[in-house]
Amino acid sequence: MTHTARRIGRTLALVLPVVMVLSGTLAVTRVPWSAHNAESHLLTAASETVSKRAKARAPQDVLRDRLLQELREKDPGIALTELQRTVEARPSLAGYCMSIAKALGKAAVDQYGPTRAHRFSRPVCDTSFASGVAQFS
């Protein structure tokens, strides 16, 4: 009888933790965060969409997006002047100047057409704006 009791004890020692973990996991797979909202967000234990910390955007990407917005709202000349001033103030962005100017050239062609966009060309970043206009014309 001692042998049987030991066998049952070992089996329980192995199975019981597994049962406890599974029942605990299943119990918390859905937890309403706010009772007042019928369609409240649910916490899912095995969620694949775990929110991750948003990555900080690179300064050149922020600058490019800001200048493209400025080009749309005002005109390419203002955006190019701002690009030149920003690169002079922050030399670390000089390596990105050509690609940003080309992006501005493409956006200018999209908005104004190739002939009118070319009129905004100026010697910013080794005439990359004009190169972008010519490339996307």
N, C-alpha and C. Protein backbone atom coordinates (compact mmCIF):
# COMPACT_ATOMS: atom_id res chain seq x y z
N MET A 1 0.82 -1.18 0.00
CA MET A 1 0.00 0.00 0.00
C MET A 1 0.87 1.25 0.00
N THR A 2 2.02 1.19 0.61
CA THR A 2 2.92 2.32 0.63
C THR A 2 3.41 2.65 -0.77
N HIS A 3 3.63 1.61 -1.56
CA HIS A 3 4.09 1.80 -2.92
C HIS A 3 3.02 2.52 -3.77
N THR A 4 1.78 2.14 -3.60
CA THR A 4 0.68 2.76 -4.33
C THR A 4 0.52 4.22 -3.92
N ALA A 5 0.63 4.50 -2.63
CA ALA A 5 0.50 5.88 -2.14
C ALA A 5 1.63 6.75 -2.70
N ARG A 6 2.83 6.17 -2.75
CA ARG A 6 3.95 6.93 -3.32
C ARG A 6 3.73 7.23 -4.80
N ARG A 7 3.24 6.24 -5.52
CA ARG A 7 2.98 6.42 -6.95
C ARG A 7 1.92 7.51 -7.17
N ILE A 8 0.86 7.50 -6.39
CA ILE A 8 -0.17 8.53 -6.50
C ILE A 8 0.40 9.88 -6.12
N GLY A 9 1.21 9.91 -5.10
CA GLY A 9 1.83 11.17 -4.67
C GLY A 9 2.74 11.75 -5.75
N ARG A 10 3.54 10.90 -6.38
CA ARG A 10 4.42 11.37 -7.46
C ARG A 10 3.61 11.87 -8.66
N THR A 11 2.58 11.13 -9.00
CA THR A 11 1.74 11.53 -10.12
C THR A 11 1.10 12.89 -9.84
N LEU A 12 0.58 13.08 -8.65
CA LEU A 12 -0.01 14.36 -8.27
C LEU A 12 1.03 15.47 -8.25
N ALA A 13 2.22 15.13 -7.81
CA ALA A 13 3.29 16.13 -7.75
C ALA A 13 3.66 16.61 -9.16
N LEU A 14 3.54 15.75 -10.15
CA LEU A 14 3.84 16.14 -11.51
C LEU A 14 2.64 16.79 -12.21
N VAL A 15 1.46 16.27 -11.99
CA VAL A 15 0.27 16.73 -12.69
C VAL A 15 -0.32 17.99 -12.06
N LEU A 16 -0.32 18.08 -10.76
CA LEU A 16 -0.97 19.20 -10.08
C LEU A 16 -0.40 20.56 -10.48
N PRO A 17 0.91 20.76 -10.55
CA PRO A 17 1.40 22.07 -10.99
C PRO A 17 0.96 22.43 -12.42
N VAL A 18 0.94 21.43 -13.28
CA VAL A 18 0.50 21.68 -14.66
C VAL A 18 -0.96 22.10 -14.67
N VAL A 19 -1.78 21.41 -13.92
CA VAL A 19 -3.21 21.75 -13.84
C VAL A 19 -3.38 23.14 -13.26
N MET A 20 -2.63 23.46 -12.24
CA MET A 20 -2.74 24.78 -11.60
C MET A 20 -2.35 25.89 -12.58
N VAL A 21 -1.26 25.69 -13.29
CA VAL A 21 -0.80 26.70 -14.25
C VAL A 21 -1.82 26.87 -15.36
N LEU A 22 -2.30 25.77 -15.91
CA LEU A 22 -3.27 25.87 -16.99
C LEU A 22 -4.57 26.51 -16.54
N SER A 23 -5.06 26.12 -15.38
CA SER A 23 -6.32 26.71 -14.91
C SER A 23 -6.13 28.20 -14.58
N GLY A 24 -4.97 28.56 -14.06
CA GLY A 24 -4.71 29.97 -13.78
C GLY A 24 -4.57 30.77 -15.05
N THR A 25 -3.91 30.19 -16.06
CA THR A 25 -3.75 30.88 -17.34
C THR A 25 -5.10 31.05 -18.01
N LEU A 26 -5.90 30.02 -18.00
CA LEU A 26 -7.22 30.12 -18.62
C LEU A 26 -8.12 31.10 -17.87
N ALA A 27 -7.93 31.20 -16.59
CA ALA A 27 -8.77 32.11 -15.80
C ALA A 27 -8.48 33.57 -16.12
N VAL A 28 -7.25 33.89 -16.51
CA VAL A 28 -6.91 35.29 -16.75
C VAL A 28 -6.79 35.63 -18.23
N THR A 29 -7.20 34.72 -19.11
CA THR A 29 -7.08 35.05 -20.53
C THR A 29 -8.02 36.17 -20.93
N ARG A 30 -9.09 36.34 -20.23
CA ARG A 30 -10.01 37.44 -20.54
C ARG A 30 -10.37 38.18 -19.26
N VAL A 31 -9.84 39.37 -19.16
CA VAL A 31 -10.11 40.21 -18.01
C VAL A 31 -10.61 41.56 -18.52
N PRO A 32 -11.87 41.91 -18.26
CA PRO A 32 -12.36 43.21 -18.72
C PRO A 32 -11.67 44.33 -17.95
N TRP A 33 -11.17 45.33 -18.66
CA TRP A 33 -10.46 46.43 -18.03
C TRP A 33 -11.41 47.48 -17.49
N SER A 34 -12.54 47.62 -18.09
CA SER A 34 -13.51 48.59 -17.58
C SER A 34 -14.90 47.97 -17.65
N ALA A 35 -15.57 47.95 -16.55
CA ALA A 35 -16.89 47.31 -16.47
C ALA A 35 -17.95 48.14 -17.17
N HIS A 36 -17.75 49.47 -17.29
CA HIS A 36 -18.77 50.33 -17.87
C HIS A 36 -18.84 50.23 -19.39
N ASN A 37 -17.85 49.69 -20.02
CA ASN A 37 -17.81 49.58 -21.47
C ASN A 37 -18.07 48.13 -21.87
N ALA A 38 -19.13 47.90 -22.61
CA ALA A 38 -19.50 46.54 -23.00
C ALA A 38 -18.43 45.92 -23.90
N GLU A 39 -17.82 46.71 -24.74
CA GLU A 39 -16.77 46.20 -25.61
C GLU A 39 -15.41 46.63 -25.09
N SER A 40 -15.15 46.31 -23.85
CA SER A 40 -13.90 46.72 -23.25
C SER A 40 -12.74 45.90 -23.81
N HIS A 41 -11.57 46.45 -23.68
CA HIS A 41 -10.36 45.76 -24.12
C HIS A 41 -10.13 44.55 -23.23
N LEU A 42 -9.64 43.50 -23.85
CA LEU A 42 -9.41 42.27 -23.12
C LEU A 42 -7.93 41.96 -23.09
N LEU A 43 -7.53 41.42 -21.96
CA LEU A 43 -6.15 40.97 -21.82
C LEU A 43 -6.09 39.53 -22.24
N THR A 44 -5.29 39.23 -23.20
CA THR A 44 -5.15 37.86 -23.67
C THR A 44 -3.76 37.38 -23.29
N ALA A 45 -3.70 36.27 -22.59
CA ALA A 45 -2.43 35.77 -22.10
C ALA A 45 -1.48 35.42 -23.23
N ALA A 46 -1.99 34.85 -24.31
CA ALA A 46 -1.13 34.43 -25.40
C ALA A 46 -1.20 35.41 -26.56
N SER A 47 -1.37 36.67 -26.26
CA SER A 47 -1.54 37.67 -27.30
C SER A 47 -0.27 37.84 -28.11
N GLU A 48 -0.43 37.87 -29.43
CA GLU A 48 0.72 38.12 -30.31
C GLU A 48 0.87 39.60 -30.59
N THR A 49 -0.11 40.38 -30.18
CA THR A 49 -0.06 41.82 -30.46
C THR A 49 0.30 42.60 -29.22
N VAL A 50 1.33 42.16 -28.57
CA VAL A 50 1.79 42.86 -27.38
C VAL A 50 2.33 44.22 -27.81
N SER A 51 1.85 45.25 -27.15
CA SER A 51 2.31 46.58 -27.57
C SER A 51 3.78 46.73 -27.25
N LYS A 52 4.48 47.27 -28.23
CA LYS A 52 5.91 47.49 -28.07
C LYS A 52 6.15 48.98 -28.00
N ARG A 53 7.20 49.33 -27.37
CA ARG A 53 7.56 50.74 -27.25
C ARG A 53 7.82 51.30 -28.65
N ALA A 54 7.19 52.39 -28.95
CA ALA A 54 7.36 53.01 -30.27
C ALA A 54 8.82 53.43 -30.45
N LYS A 55 9.33 53.11 -31.62
CA LYS A 55 10.71 53.49 -31.90
C LYS A 55 10.77 54.97 -32.22
N ALA A 56 11.77 55.60 -31.73
CA ALA A 56 11.96 57.02 -32.02
C ALA A 56 12.34 57.16 -33.48
N ARG A 57 11.78 58.14 -34.12
CA ARG A 57 12.07 58.36 -35.54
C ARG A 57 13.41 59.06 -35.68
N ALA A 58 14.10 58.71 -36.74
CA ALA A 58 15.41 59.31 -37.02
C ALA A 58 15.23 60.78 -37.38
N PRO A 59 16.18 61.64 -36.99
CA PRO A 59 16.06 63.08 -37.27
C PRO A 59 15.88 63.39 -38.75
N GLN A 60 16.56 62.64 -39.62
CA GLN A 60 16.43 62.91 -41.05
C GLN A 60 15.02 62.58 -41.56
N ASP A 61 14.38 61.56 -40.97
CA ASP A 61 13.01 61.22 -41.36
C ASP A 61 12.03 62.28 -40.90
N VAL A 62 12.25 62.78 -39.70
CA VAL A 62 11.40 63.86 -39.18
C VAL A 62 11.54 65.10 -40.05
N LEU A 63 12.79 65.43 -40.39
CA LEU A 63 13.05 66.60 -41.23
C LEU A 63 12.40 66.44 -42.61
N ARG A 64 12.61 65.27 -43.23
CA ARG A 64 12.04 65.04 -44.55
C ARG A 64 10.52 65.18 -44.54
N ASP A 65 9.87 64.57 -43.56
CA ASP A 65 8.41 64.64 -43.48
C ASP A 65 7.93 66.07 -43.25
N ARG A 66 8.65 66.80 -42.41
CA ARG A 66 8.26 68.19 -42.13
C ARG A 66 8.42 69.05 -43.40
N LEU A 67 9.51 68.83 -44.14
CA LEU A 67 9.74 69.62 -45.34
C LEU A 67 8.75 69.25 -46.46
N LEU A 68 8.40 67.99 -46.56
CA LEU A 68 7.39 67.59 -47.54
C LEU A 68 6.04 68.23 -47.23
N GLN A 69 5.71 68.30 -45.95
CA GLN A 69 4.47 68.96 -45.56
C GLN A 69 4.53 70.45 -45.88
N GLU A 70 5.67 71.06 -45.62
CA GLU A 70 5.86 72.47 -45.92
C GLU A 70 5.76 72.73 -47.43
N LEU A 71 6.31 71.83 -48.23
CA LEU A 71 6.23 71.94 -49.68
C LEU A 71 4.77 71.90 -50.14
N ARG A 72 3.97 71.01 -49.55
CA ARG A 72 2.56 70.90 -49.92
C ARG A 72 1.77 72.13 -49.51
N GLU A 73 2.07 72.65 -48.33
CA GLU A 73 1.30 73.77 -47.81
C GLU A 73 1.75 75.11 -48.39
N LYS A 74 3.02 75.25 -48.70
CA LYS A 74 3.55 76.54 -49.18
C LYS A 74 4.08 76.36 -50.59
N ASP A 75 5.38 76.19 -50.72
CA ASP A 75 5.96 75.89 -52.04
C ASP A 75 7.35 75.28 -51.86
N PRO A 76 7.88 74.67 -52.91
CA PRO A 76 9.19 74.00 -52.81
C PRO A 76 10.33 74.94 -52.44
N GLY A 77 10.26 76.19 -52.84
CA GLY A 77 11.32 77.14 -52.53
C GLY A 77 11.49 77.32 -51.03
N ILE A 78 10.39 77.42 -50.33
CA ILE A 78 10.44 77.57 -48.87
C ILE A 78 11.00 76.31 -48.22
N ALA A 79 10.58 75.16 -48.72
CA ALA A 79 11.08 73.89 -48.17
C ALA A 79 12.59 73.75 -48.43
N LEU A 80 13.05 74.13 -49.60
CA LEU A 80 14.48 74.05 -49.91
C LEU A 80 15.30 75.00 -49.04
N THR A 81 14.79 76.20 -48.83
CA THR A 81 15.48 77.15 -47.96
C THR A 81 15.59 76.59 -46.55
N GLU A 82 14.50 76.01 -46.07
CA GLU A 82 14.51 75.42 -44.73
C GLU A 82 15.47 74.24 -44.66
N LEU A 83 15.55 73.44 -45.72
CA LEU A 83 16.50 72.33 -45.76
C LEU A 83 17.93 72.85 -45.65
N GLN A 84 18.24 73.86 -46.41
CA GLN A 84 19.59 74.42 -46.39
C GLN A 84 19.93 74.97 -45.01
N ARG A 85 19.02 75.69 -44.41
CA ARG A 85 19.27 76.25 -43.06
C ARG A 85 19.44 75.15 -42.02
N THR A 86 18.61 74.12 -42.12
CA THR A 86 18.69 73.03 -41.13
C THR A 86 20.01 72.29 -41.26
N VAL A 87 20.46 72.02 -42.48
CA VAL A 87 21.73 71.31 -42.68
C VAL A 87 22.90 72.16 -42.21
N GLU A 88 22.83 73.47 -42.41
CA GLU A 88 23.89 74.35 -41.92
C GLU A 88 23.91 74.38 -40.40
N ALA A 89 22.73 74.35 -39.79
CA ALA A 89 22.65 74.38 -38.32
C ALA A 89 23.00 73.04 -37.70
N ARG A 90 22.69 71.95 -38.40
CA ARG A 90 22.95 70.61 -37.89
C ARG A 90 23.74 69.82 -38.94
N PRO A 91 25.04 69.98 -38.97
CA PRO A 91 25.86 69.30 -39.98
C PRO A 91 25.72 67.78 -39.99
N SER A 92 25.25 67.21 -38.91
CA SER A 92 25.08 65.75 -38.88
C SER A 92 24.02 65.29 -39.88
N LEU A 93 23.18 66.20 -40.35
CA LEU A 93 22.16 65.85 -41.33
C LEU A 93 22.63 66.02 -42.77
N ALA A 94 23.85 66.49 -42.97
CA ALA A 94 24.37 66.76 -44.31
C ALA A 94 24.39 65.50 -45.18
N GLY A 95 24.64 64.37 -44.59
CA GLY A 95 24.67 63.12 -45.34
C GLY A 95 23.32 62.72 -45.92
N TYR A 96 22.26 63.29 -45.38
CA TYR A 96 20.91 62.97 -45.84
C TYR A 96 20.33 64.06 -46.74
N CYS A 97 21.08 65.13 -46.91
CA CYS A 97 20.59 66.29 -47.65
C CYS A 97 20.18 65.93 -49.08
N MET A 98 21.01 65.16 -49.77
CA MET A 98 20.72 64.82 -51.15
C MET A 98 19.44 64.01 -51.29
N SER A 99 19.27 63.01 -50.43
CA SER A 99 18.07 62.17 -50.53
C SER A 99 16.81 62.97 -50.17
N ILE A 100 16.92 63.87 -49.20
CA ILE A 100 15.77 64.70 -48.84
C ILE A 100 15.43 65.65 -49.98
N ALA A 101 16.46 66.26 -50.59
CA ALA A 101 16.23 67.17 -51.71
C ALA A 101 15.60 66.44 -52.90
N LYS A 102 16.02 65.21 -53.16
CA LYS A 102 15.41 64.42 -54.23
C LYS A 102 13.95 64.12 -53.92
N ALA A 103 13.67 63.80 -52.67
CA ALA A 103 12.27 63.54 -52.28
C ALA A 103 11.43 64.80 -52.47
N LEU A 104 12.01 65.95 -52.15
CA LEU A 104 11.30 67.22 -52.37
C LEU A 104 11.08 67.45 -53.86
N GLY A 105 12.08 67.09 -54.69
CA GLY A 105 11.93 67.22 -56.13
C GLY A 105 10.79 66.36 -56.67
N LYS A 106 10.72 65.13 -56.21
CA LYS A 106 9.63 64.23 -56.63
C LYS A 106 8.28 64.80 -56.20
N ALA A 107 8.19 65.26 -54.96
CA ALA A 107 6.93 65.82 -54.46
C ALA A 107 6.54 67.07 -55.24
N ALA A 108 7.53 67.87 -55.63
CA ALA A 108 7.25 69.08 -56.41
C ALA A 108 6.70 68.71 -57.78
N VAL A 109 7.26 67.68 -58.41
CA VAL A 109 6.75 67.23 -59.71
C VAL A 109 5.31 66.72 -59.55
N ASP A 110 5.07 65.95 -58.49
CA ASP A 110 3.72 65.44 -58.24
C ASP A 110 2.71 66.57 -58.07
N GLN A 111 3.13 67.64 -57.40
CA GLN A 111 2.20 68.73 -57.08
C GLN A 111 2.12 69.79 -58.19
N TYR A 112 3.24 70.14 -58.80
CA TYR A 112 3.27 71.26 -59.74
C TYR A 112 3.51 70.86 -61.20
N GLY A 113 3.90 69.63 -61.45
CA GLY A 113 4.28 69.23 -62.80
C GLY A 113 5.75 69.52 -63.01
N PRO A 114 6.38 68.88 -63.99
CA PRO A 114 7.84 68.99 -64.16
C PRO A 114 8.33 70.39 -64.52
N THR A 115 7.61 71.09 -65.38
CA THR A 115 8.10 72.41 -65.82
C THR A 115 8.07 73.41 -64.68
N ARG A 116 6.95 73.48 -64.00
CA ARG A 116 6.84 74.44 -62.89
C ARG A 116 7.74 74.05 -61.72
N ALA A 117 7.85 72.75 -61.44
CA ALA A 117 8.69 72.29 -60.32
C ALA A 117 10.15 72.65 -60.57
N HIS A 118 10.58 72.58 -61.81
CA HIS A 118 11.97 72.88 -62.13
C HIS A 118 12.33 74.34 -61.86
N ARG A 119 11.35 75.20 -61.87
CA ARG A 119 11.59 76.63 -61.61
C ARG A 119 12.03 76.89 -60.17
N PHE A 120 11.74 75.96 -59.27
CA PHE A 120 12.11 76.15 -57.86
C PHE A 120 13.54 75.68 -57.58
N SER A 121 14.20 75.11 -58.55
CA SER A 121 15.55 74.57 -58.35
C SER A 121 16.51 75.64 -57.86
N ARG A 122 17.37 75.24 -56.97
CA ARG A 122 18.46 76.09 -56.46
C ARG A 122 19.58 75.19 -55.98
N PRO A 123 20.76 75.72 -55.82
CA PRO A 123 21.92 74.88 -55.48
C PRO A 123 21.94 74.45 -54.01
N VAL A 124 20.98 73.65 -53.64
CA VAL A 124 20.93 73.08 -52.29
C VAL A 124 21.33 71.62 -52.43
N CYS A 125 22.27 71.19 -51.66
CA CYS A 125 22.74 69.79 -51.66
C CYS A 125 23.17 69.36 -53.05
N ASP A 126 24.02 70.13 -53.68
CA ASP A 126 24.57 69.79 -55.00
C ASP A 126 23.48 69.56 -56.04
N THR A 127 22.53 70.42 -56.10
CA THR A 127 21.42 70.40 -57.07
C THR A 127 20.63 69.09 -57.05
N SER A 128 20.50 68.47 -55.91
CA SER A 128 19.75 67.22 -55.81
C SER A 128 18.26 67.43 -56.07
N PHE A 129 17.75 68.60 -55.73
CA PHE A 129 16.35 68.89 -56.00
C PHE A 129 16.10 68.81 -57.51
N ALA A 130 16.96 69.47 -58.29
CA ALA A 130 16.81 69.44 -59.75
C ALA A 130 16.95 68.01 -60.28
N SER A 131 17.84 67.24 -59.67
CA SER A 131 17.99 65.84 -60.06
C SER A 131 16.72 65.05 -59.78
N GLY A 132 16.11 65.33 -58.63
CA GLY A 132 14.85 64.66 -58.30
C GLY A 132 13.73 65.06 -59.25
N VAL A 133 13.69 66.34 -59.63
CA VAL A 133 12.68 66.79 -60.59
C VAL A 133 12.90 66.09 -61.92
N ALA A 134 14.14 66.04 -62.38
CA ALA A 134 14.44 65.43 -63.67
C ALA A 134 14.16 63.92 -63.64
N GLN A 135 14.47 63.29 -62.53
CA GLN A 135 14.29 61.84 -62.42
C GLN A 135 12.82 61.45 -62.46
N PHE A 136 11.96 62.27 -61.90
CA PHE A 136 10.55 61.91 -61.80
C PHE A 136 9.68 62.66 -62.79
N SER A 137 10.28 63.33 -63.75
CA SER A 137 9.53 64.04 -64.79
C SER A 137 9.08 63.09 -65.87
